[in-house]
Amino acid sequence: MAGTSSPAFPPVDEQLVALRKGVVDLLVEADLRRKLERSRANGKPLRVKVGFDPSAPDIHLGHTVLMRKMKCFQDLGHDVLFVIGDFTGLIGDPTGRSKTRPQLTREALEKNAETYKTQAFKILNPEKTIVEFNSRWLGALGSEGFVRLAAQYNVARMLERRDFKERYERGESIRMHEFLYPLAQAYDSVFLQADVELGGTDQLFNLNVGRDIMPEYGLEPQVVMTTPLLVGLDGSEKMSKSLGNQIGVEDPPREMFGKVMSLSDDLMWSYYTLLTDLSAAQVEAIRQQVGKGELHPKRAKADLARRLVTDFHSAAAAAEAEAEFERIFAAGGVPDEIDERALPAGERAGWLPRVLVTLGAAASNGEAKRLLRGGGVYVDGERVQDENHELSPPGPYLLQVGKRRFFRVRFE
């Protein structure tokens, strides 16, 4: 019967409570309410679009903030469009960039995309996720289509974007292809006829370009929703592999658990809000327990760590990681299983920054030096902060990096 609510969708107010959790921008809530009411009336799910450019091979917990909001829409019965930007990735998103982003090869993008899909399904339901590659429609658009697309927006509006405005005012280069990025992302929404597009707060401009041009194609404007950028382990910068402050979704259980335990007590609450399925009311209840002294912050943090390891590995792996953490760090012990490495001997082979990079404990010599200066490296139980320190072959040496990673190293 027309106008009868579909049992497939919860009441609109209930949906809005779940969808607002952890959201910064919601443009426009009245539009979202109207779309949700219409979907309940006609039994048709909303089309919720999120784009990811596979610019790096691995996903960290910062990426999963958006994925959890995607899953929230899935759990409410709506269709999620996981758009892999194999075309837009060739342009390179200028968001947050003070200079032009290097363009990736198609081979690198395709390889990274496969990894993204595998890792994303640790959060998303693969049976309820529609995976699209935007080269399918952007590649077919052709030069005439791009000219028509570019005609839908003007340069003055494009220069309102902070990244472009600051570079323009400093007299720094802005390449023409960079203007195409937000337009190409907007056309994704046009082609897919998105009802909602999700993104991080740094994507607000790009998302609004899609909202602006959709009526030019005879479509209802999409609703725009943004989520916060997850702060990394350093407590100050957004989570990023290049900054070495990330927790990877494929980090081993013990390492993931230990990294979460290294969070500050204050930062823990944003992780509870953005990375768990707990409601805002449930998170606040835990916070009040800690505030009243009824629950120790360390216990709350361990509960968070166990939840996250369970999500990405298993409950058994989480329990084992917690027991190992308590045994090592509460009792000051050393794990039973230590990564054993035989490194090639040679000139300056034992230079500690180089050793840390070879072990994968640091991404670069610069990062290794920062770890040393920060007091996070121990050799045979002694803290080493000298970035010129050298290990004399043949060893062995017991290296500890941070609180969680142990290596037994010898030179051959």
Protein backbone atom coordinates (compact mmCIF):
# COMPACT_ATOMS: atom_id res chain seq x y z
CA MET A 1 0.00 0.00 0.00
CA ALA A 2 1.36 3.42 -0.94
CA GLY A 3 2.65 5.41 2.02
CA THR A 4 3.09 2.35 4.26
CA SER A 5 6.46 2.16 6.03
CA SER A 6 8.68 -0.65 4.88
CA PRO A 7 9.67 -3.04 7.71
CA ALA A 8 13.17 -3.17 6.14
CA PHE A 9 14.07 0.26 7.53
CA PRO A 10 14.01 1.39 11.17
CA PRO A 11 12.09 4.56 12.08
CA VAL A 12 13.67 7.71 10.66
CA ASP A 13 14.46 9.24 14.06
CA GLU A 14 16.23 6.03 15.07
CA GLN A 15 18.26 6.06 11.85
CA LEU A 16 19.25 9.69 12.35
CA VAL A 17 20.54 9.03 15.87
CA ALA A 18 22.81 6.27 14.54
CA LEU A 19 23.95 8.24 11.50
CA ARG A 20 24.75 11.46 13.41
CA LYS A 21 27.21 9.66 15.69
CA GLY A 22 30.73 10.99 15.12
CA VAL A 23 29.63 13.24 12.22
CA VAL A 24 31.03 16.77 11.90
CA ASP A 25 29.21 18.21 8.86
CA LEU A 26 25.70 17.20 7.77
CA LEU A 27 24.48 19.18 4.77
CA VAL A 28 21.58 19.31 4.96
CA GLU A 29 19.93 17.33 7.77
CA ALA A 30 16.44 18.25 6.57
CA ASP A 31 17.34 16.79 3.16
CA LEU A 32 18.60 13.59 4.78
CA ARG A 33 15.42 13.26 6.82
CA ARG A 34 13.32 13.72 3.68
CA LYS A 35 15.33 11.09 1.80
CA LEU A 36 15.05 8.63 4.69
CA GLU A 37 11.29 9.19 4.94
CA ARG A 38 10.92 8.59 1.22
CA SER A 39 12.96 5.39 1.36
CA ARG A 40 10.75 4.06 4.16
CA ALA A 41 7.66 4.95 2.17
CA ASN A 42 8.73 3.34 -1.10
CA GLY A 43 10.97 0.58 0.30
CA LYS A 44 13.91 1.79 -1.81
CA PRO A 45 17.31 2.05 -0.05
CA LEU A 46 19.42 5.17 -0.29
CA ARG A 47 22.51 5.10 -2.49
CA VAL A 48 25.45 6.05 -0.26
CA LYS A 49 28.71 6.79 -2.03
CA VAL A 50 32.26 6.91 -0.67
CA GLY A 51 35.38 7.23 -2.77
CA PHE A 52 38.87 5.99 -1.94
CA ASP A 53 41.90 6.67 -4.11
CA PRO A 54 44.31 3.72 -3.75
CA SER A 55 47.34 5.96 -3.29
CA ALA A 56 48.99 3.61 -0.76
CA PRO A 57 48.92 -0.19 -0.41
CA ASP A 58 47.58 -0.43 3.13
CA ILE A 59 44.59 0.78 5.10
CA HIS A 60 44.99 2.06 8.66
CA LEU A 61 42.37 2.73 11.32
CA GLY A 62 42.02 6.33 10.10
CA HIS A 63 40.50 5.00 6.87
CA THR A 64 38.04 2.82 8.77
CA VAL A 65 36.29 5.81 10.40
CA LEU A 66 34.48 6.34 7.10
CA MET A 67 34.05 2.62 6.58
CA ARG A 68 32.25 2.29 9.90
CA LYS A 69 29.82 5.01 8.84
CA MET A 70 29.35 3.12 5.57
CA LYS A 71 28.61 -0.03 7.58
CA CYS A 72 26.13 1.94 9.69
CA PHE A 73 24.19 2.74 6.51
CA GLN A 74 24.44 -0.92 5.48
CA ASP A 75 23.09 -2.07 8.85
CA LEU A 76 20.14 0.29 8.39
CA GLY A 77 19.34 -1.36 5.03
CA HIS A 78 20.84 1.10 2.55
CA ASP A 79 23.11 0.48 -0.46
CA VAL A 80 26.77 1.42 -0.11
CA LEU A 81 28.82 2.26 -3.19
CA PHE A 82 32.53 1.71 -2.54
CA VAL A 83 34.16 3.74 -5.30
CA ILE A 84 37.81 2.96 -5.98
CA GLY A 85 39.34 5.97 -7.68
CA ASP A 86 41.54 4.28 -10.23
CA PHE A 87 40.90 7.25 -12.56
CA THR A 88 40.96 10.09 -10.02
CA GLY A 89 44.05 8.50 -8.49
CA LEU A 90 45.86 9.25 -11.73
CA ILE A 91 45.13 12.95 -11.14
CA GLY A 92 45.98 12.96 -7.45
CA ASP A 93 43.81 14.61 -4.79
CA PRO A 94 45.20 18.09 -4.03
CA THR A 95 43.46 18.16 -0.63
CA GLY A 96 45.83 19.35 2.09
CA ARG A 97 48.70 19.68 -0.35
CA SER A 98 50.99 22.68 -0.54
CA LYS A 99 52.28 21.48 -3.91
CA THR A 100 51.20 19.23 -6.75
CA ARG A 101 50.84 15.57 -5.72
CA PRO A 102 53.01 13.14 -7.73
CA GLN A 103 50.94 11.10 -10.18
CA LEU A 104 50.88 7.32 -9.67
CA THR A 105 51.16 4.76 -12.42
CA ARG A 106 48.10 2.71 -13.33
CA GLU A 107 49.99 -0.45 -12.31
CA ALA A 108 50.56 0.89 -8.80
CA LEU A 109 46.92 2.00 -8.50
CA GLU A 110 45.58 -1.39 -9.60
CA LYS A 111 47.83 -3.24 -7.17
CA ASN A 112 46.85 -0.97 -4.30
CA ALA A 113 43.15 -1.25 -5.21
CA GLU A 114 43.16 -5.02 -4.75
CA THR A 115 44.67 -4.61 -1.29
CA TYR A 116 42.10 -1.94 -0.42
CA LYS A 117 39.21 -4.24 -1.31
CA THR A 118 40.56 -7.10 0.78
CA GLN A 119 41.23 -4.93 3.83
CA ALA A 120 37.99 -2.93 3.56
CA PHE A 121 35.92 -6.09 3.94
CA LYS A 122 37.26 -6.48 7.46
CA ILE A 123 34.67 -3.76 8.21
CA LEU A 124 32.14 -3.81 5.38
CA ASN A 125 29.76 -6.61 4.51
CA PRO A 126 30.99 -7.80 1.09
CA GLU A 127 27.52 -9.06 0.16
CA LYS A 128 26.03 -5.60 0.78
CA THR A 129 28.82 -3.55 -0.81
CA ILE A 130 28.75 -2.41 -4.43
CA VAL A 131 32.35 -1.97 -5.57
CA GLU A 132 32.87 0.40 -8.50
CA PHE A 133 35.99 1.66 -10.30
CA ASN A 134 35.49 5.22 -11.50
CA SER A 135 37.56 4.69 -14.64
CA ARG A 136 34.45 2.89 -15.97
CA TRP A 137 32.57 6.17 -16.49
CA LEU A 138 35.30 8.82 -16.28
CA GLY A 139 37.39 7.04 -18.90
CA ALA A 140 34.35 6.89 -21.18
CA LEU A 141 33.51 10.56 -20.64
CA GLY A 142 36.01 11.63 -23.27
CA SER A 143 37.35 15.09 -24.01
CA GLU A 144 33.96 16.51 -25.01
CA GLY A 145 32.39 15.19 -21.83
CA PHE A 146 35.14 16.74 -19.69
CA VAL A 147 34.68 20.09 -21.42
CA ARG A 148 30.96 19.96 -20.64
CA LEU A 149 31.73 18.92 -17.06
CA ALA A 150 34.22 21.77 -16.61
CA ALA A 151 31.56 24.21 -17.85
CA GLN A 152 29.45 23.44 -14.77
CA TYR A 153 31.88 25.21 -12.38
CA ASN A 154 33.89 28.42 -12.38
CA VAL A 155 37.46 29.30 -11.45
CA ALA A 156 36.42 31.79 -8.75
CA ARG A 157 34.57 29.05 -6.87
CA MET A 158 37.50 26.67 -7.32
CA LEU A 159 39.89 29.23 -5.83
CA GLU A 160 37.72 29.45 -2.72
CA ARG A 161 39.23 26.11 -1.80
CA ARG A 162 41.79 26.78 0.92
CA ASP A 163 44.59 24.68 -0.61
CA PHE A 164 44.29 26.42 -3.96
CA LYS A 165 43.76 29.88 -2.45
CA GLU A 166 46.90 29.68 -0.30
CA ARG A 167 49.05 28.41 -3.16
CA TYR A 168 47.68 31.10 -5.49
CA GLU A 169 48.36 33.86 -2.95
CA ARG A 170 51.93 32.60 -2.47
CA GLY A 171 52.44 32.57 -6.21
CA GLU A 172 52.98 28.81 -6.22
CA SER A 173 52.13 26.51 -9.09
CA ILE A 174 48.64 25.06 -9.48
CA ARG A 175 48.49 22.62 -12.39
CA MET A 176 45.32 22.64 -14.51
CA HIS A 177 44.70 18.93 -13.97
CA GLU A 178 44.33 19.58 -10.22
CA PHE A 179 41.14 21.56 -10.93
CA LEU A 180 39.79 18.43 -12.59
CA TYR A 181 39.96 16.37 -9.40
CA PRO A 182 36.94 17.81 -7.54
CA LEU A 183 35.00 17.88 -10.81
CA ALA A 184 35.78 14.22 -11.52
CA GLN A 185 34.78 13.28 -7.96
CA ALA A 186 31.57 15.25 -8.41
CA TYR A 187 30.81 13.43 -11.65
CA ASP A 188 31.10 10.13 -9.75
CA SER A 189 28.05 11.28 -7.78
CA VAL A 190 26.22 12.29 -10.96
CA PHE A 191 26.85 8.98 -12.72
CA LEU A 192 25.98 6.89 -9.65
CA GLN A 193 23.02 9.12 -8.73
CA ALA A 194 24.17 9.24 -5.13
CA ASP A 195 21.73 10.22 -2.39
CA VAL A 196 24.52 10.69 0.16
CA GLU A 197 28.29 11.11 -0.09
CA LEU A 198 30.61 10.54 2.87
CA GLY A 199 34.12 11.87 3.39
CA GLY A 200 36.57 13.19 5.94
CA THR A 201 36.34 16.81 7.05
CA ASP A 202 39.21 17.64 4.68
CA GLN A 203 36.97 16.53 1.78
CA LEU A 204 34.16 19.03 2.45
CA PHE A 205 34.96 21.19 -0.59
CA ASN A 206 35.07 18.21 -2.96
CA LEU A 207 31.83 16.79 -1.59
CA ASN A 208 30.05 20.12 -1.98
CA VAL A 209 31.14 20.39 -5.64
CA GLY A 210 29.13 17.22 -6.21
CA ARG A 211 26.17 18.69 -4.35
CA ASP A 212 26.44 21.88 -6.43
CA ILE A 213 26.57 20.36 -9.91
CA MET A 214 24.04 17.52 -9.55
CA PRO A 215 21.04 19.80 -10.27
CA GLU A 216 22.77 20.80 -13.56
CA TYR A 217 22.28 17.17 -14.60
CA GLY A 218 18.66 17.07 -13.47
CA LEU A 219 19.43 15.28 -10.20
CA GLU A 220 18.51 16.00 -6.61
CA PRO A 221 21.56 17.30 -4.66
CA GLN A 222 23.32 14.68 -2.58
CA VAL A 223 23.49 14.98 1.18
CA VAL A 224 27.05 15.59 2.38
CA MET A 225 28.32 14.00 5.60
CA THR A 226 31.86 14.31 6.98
CA THR A 227 33.62 12.47 9.76
CA PRO A 228 36.64 13.67 11.76
CA LEU A 229 40.20 12.83 10.79
CA LEU A 230 41.47 10.29 13.31
CA VAL A 231 44.42 11.59 15.33
CA GLY A 232 47.38 9.22 15.28
CA LEU A 233 49.43 7.70 18.06
CA ASP A 234 51.46 10.89 18.48
CA GLY A 235 48.33 12.63 19.76
CA SER A 236 48.72 15.64 17.46
CA GLU A 237 48.73 14.81 13.74
CA LYS A 238 46.14 12.92 11.71
CA MET A 239 46.88 9.23 11.36
CA SER A 240 49.28 8.73 8.47
CA LYS A 241 51.71 6.05 7.42
CA SER A 242 54.21 8.71 6.33
CA LEU A 243 54.24 10.12 9.89
CA GLY A 244 54.66 6.69 11.45
CA ASN A 245 51.72 7.27 13.83
CA GLN A 246 49.34 4.72 12.34
CA ILE A 247 47.69 1.49 13.44
CA GLY A 248 47.32 -0.72 10.37
CA VAL A 249 44.28 -2.94 9.98
CA GLU A 250 46.66 -5.83 9.29
CA ASP A 251 48.99 -5.13 12.21
CA PRO A 252 49.51 -8.34 14.23
CA PRO A 253 47.10 -8.65 17.21
CA ARG A 254 49.84 -8.12 19.82
CA GLU A 255 51.14 -5.02 18.05
CA MET A 256 47.67 -3.55 17.53
CA PHE A 257 46.76 -4.13 21.18
CA GLY A 258 49.97 -2.50 22.40
CA LYS A 259 49.57 0.52 20.13
CA VAL A 260 46.07 1.17 21.44
CA MET A 261 47.36 0.90 25.00
CA SER A 262 49.91 3.63 24.19
CA LEU A 263 47.12 6.17 23.50
CA SER A 264 46.66 9.04 25.91
CA ASP A 265 43.61 8.79 28.17
CA ASP A 266 42.00 11.79 26.45
CA LEU A 267 42.55 10.47 22.91
CA MET A 268 41.01 7.13 23.85
CA TRP A 269 37.50 8.63 23.77
CA SER A 270 37.63 9.69 20.13
CA TYR A 271 38.76 6.14 19.27
CA TYR A 272 35.78 4.76 21.21
CA THR A 273 33.44 7.09 19.31
CA LEU A 274 34.87 6.70 15.83
CA LEU A 275 36.12 3.09 15.79
CA THR A 276 33.52 1.07 17.70
CA ASP A 277 29.85 0.23 17.25
CA LEU A 278 28.99 1.57 20.68
CA SER A 279 26.37 4.31 20.68
CA ALA A 280 27.23 7.83 21.80
CA ALA A 281 25.27 7.17 25.00
CA GLN A 282 27.24 3.98 25.72
CA VAL A 283 30.58 5.74 25.19
CA GLU A 284 29.50 8.57 27.50
CA ALA A 285 28.47 6.05 30.16
CA ILE A 286 31.98 4.48 30.10
CA ARG A 287 33.52 7.94 30.25
CA GLN A 288 31.46 8.84 33.30
CA GLN A 289 32.51 5.60 35.00
CA VAL A 290 36.15 6.58 34.51
CA GLY A 291 35.46 10.13 35.68
CA LYS A 292 33.83 8.88 38.88
CA GLY A 293 36.67 6.49 39.62
CA GLU A 294 34.46 3.43 39.11
CA LEU A 295 36.57 2.23 36.16
CA HIS A 296 40.33 2.66 35.82
CA PRO A 297 41.40 4.41 32.56
CA LYS A 298 43.79 1.54 31.83
CA ARG A 299 40.92 -0.94 32.04
CA ALA A 300 38.81 1.21 29.71
CA LYS A 301 41.72 1.38 27.27
CA ALA A 302 42.28 -2.38 27.43
CA ASP A 303 38.56 -2.90 26.69
CA LEU A 304 38.93 -0.64 23.65
CA ALA A 305 42.05 -2.49 22.49
CA ARG A 306 40.29 -5.84 22.86
CA ARG A 307 37.32 -4.60 20.80
CA LEU A 308 39.55 -3.40 17.97
CA VAL A 309 41.70 -6.53 17.84
CA THR A 310 38.53 -8.63 17.83
CA ASP A 311 37.15 -6.62 14.90
CA PHE A 312 40.23 -7.09 12.76
CA HIS A 313 41.37 -10.52 13.95
CA SER A 314 39.28 -12.54 16.41
CA ALA A 315 38.13 -12.69 20.03
CA ALA A 316 40.68 -15.40 20.73
CA ALA A 317 43.50 -13.31 19.24
CA ALA A 318 42.37 -10.33 21.33
CA ALA A 319 42.39 -12.35 24.55
CA GLU A 320 45.85 -13.72 23.77
CA ALA A 321 47.17 -10.24 22.93
CA GLU A 322 45.82 -8.83 26.19
CA ALA A 323 47.38 -11.63 28.23
CA GLU A 324 50.70 -11.12 26.45
CA PHE A 325 50.56 -7.38 27.04
CA GLU A 326 49.97 -7.84 30.75
CA ARG A 327 52.75 -10.42 31.02
CA ILE A 328 55.31 -8.32 29.16
CA PHE A 329 54.56 -4.80 30.29
CA ALA A 330 52.96 -5.21 33.66
CA ALA A 331 55.57 -7.74 34.76
CA GLY A 332 58.44 -6.28 32.72
CA GLY A 333 59.03 -9.49 30.80
CA VAL A 334 60.08 -10.33 27.26
CA PRO A 335 57.77 -12.22 24.86
CA ASP A 336 58.40 -15.88 24.18
CA GLU A 337 58.30 -15.38 20.41
CA ILE A 338 60.78 -12.80 19.13
CA ASP A 339 61.37 -11.87 15.50
CA GLU A 340 64.77 -13.38 14.68
CA ARG A 341 66.73 -11.60 11.93
CA ALA A 342 70.07 -12.33 10.27
CA LEU A 343 71.39 -9.16 8.64
CA PRO A 344 74.25 -8.97 6.11
CA ALA A 345 77.53 -7.74 7.52
CA GLY A 346 79.36 -4.93 5.79
CA GLU A 347 80.53 -1.36 6.12
CA ARG A 348 78.37 0.45 8.68
CA ALA A 349 75.90 -2.46 8.56
CA GLY A 350 75.32 -2.00 12.28
CA TRP A 351 74.40 1.71 12.11
CA LEU A 352 71.29 1.64 14.26
CA PRO A 353 69.01 3.85 12.13
CA ARG A 354 69.78 1.67 9.10
CA VAL A 355 69.13 -1.48 11.14
CA LEU A 356 65.73 -0.15 12.25
CA VAL A 357 64.77 0.56 8.64
CA THR A 358 65.92 -2.91 7.52
CA LEU A 359 63.83 -4.49 10.26
CA GLY A 360 60.77 -2.52 9.17
CA ALA A 361 60.61 -0.75 12.52
CA ALA A 362 60.99 2.62 10.79
CA ALA A 363 60.06 3.78 7.30
CA SER A 364 63.18 5.89 6.79
CA ASN A 365 66.48 6.87 8.39
CA GLY A 366 64.84 10.12 9.46
CA GLU A 367 62.01 8.32 11.22
CA ALA A 368 64.53 5.95 12.87
CA LYS A 369 66.49 8.94 14.20
CA ARG A 370 63.29 10.42 15.62
CA LEU A 371 62.55 7.13 17.38
CA LEU A 372 66.02 7.16 18.91
CA ARG A 373 65.86 10.78 20.02
CA GLY A 374 62.44 10.12 21.53
CA GLY A 375 63.83 7.36 23.74
CA GLY A 376 61.84 4.56 22.15
CA VAL A 377 64.73 2.20 21.26
CA TYR A 378 66.48 -0.26 23.59
CA VAL A 379 69.49 -2.48 22.87
CA ASP A 380 69.90 -5.39 25.27
CA GLY A 381 67.64 -3.63 27.73
CA GLU A 382 69.48 -0.29 27.64
CA ARG A 383 67.88 2.79 26.11
CA VAL A 384 69.88 4.19 23.17
CA GLN A 385 69.26 7.76 22.00
CA ASP A 386 72.44 8.35 20.01
CA GLU A 387 71.51 8.37 16.32
CA ASN A 388 75.11 7.47 15.45
CA HIS A 389 75.11 4.33 17.60
CA GLU A 390 76.50 1.25 15.86
CA LEU A 391 76.02 -2.43 16.64
CA SER A 392 79.28 -4.34 16.30
CA PRO A 393 78.97 -7.61 14.32
CA PRO A 394 78.28 -10.41 14.82
CA GLY A 395 75.92 -10.04 17.80
CA PRO A 396 73.35 -11.21 18.70
CA TYR A 397 71.49 -8.16 20.06
CA LEU A 398 68.04 -7.90 21.58
CA LEU A 399 66.34 -4.79 20.16
CA GLN A 400 63.14 -3.34 21.57
CA VAL A 401 61.34 -0.61 19.59
CA GLY A 402 58.63 1.12 21.58
CA LYS A 403 56.79 -1.02 24.07
CA ARG A 404 55.69 -3.72 21.70
CA ARG A 405 58.26 -4.75 19.11
CA PHE A 406 61.18 -7.06 19.87
CA PHE A 407 63.90 -8.31 17.49
CA ARG A 408 66.88 -10.59 17.99
CA VAL A 409 69.51 -9.50 15.48
CA ARG A 410 72.81 -10.99 14.36
CA PHE A 411 75.10 -10.09 11.45
CA GLU A 412 76.36 -12.72 9.00
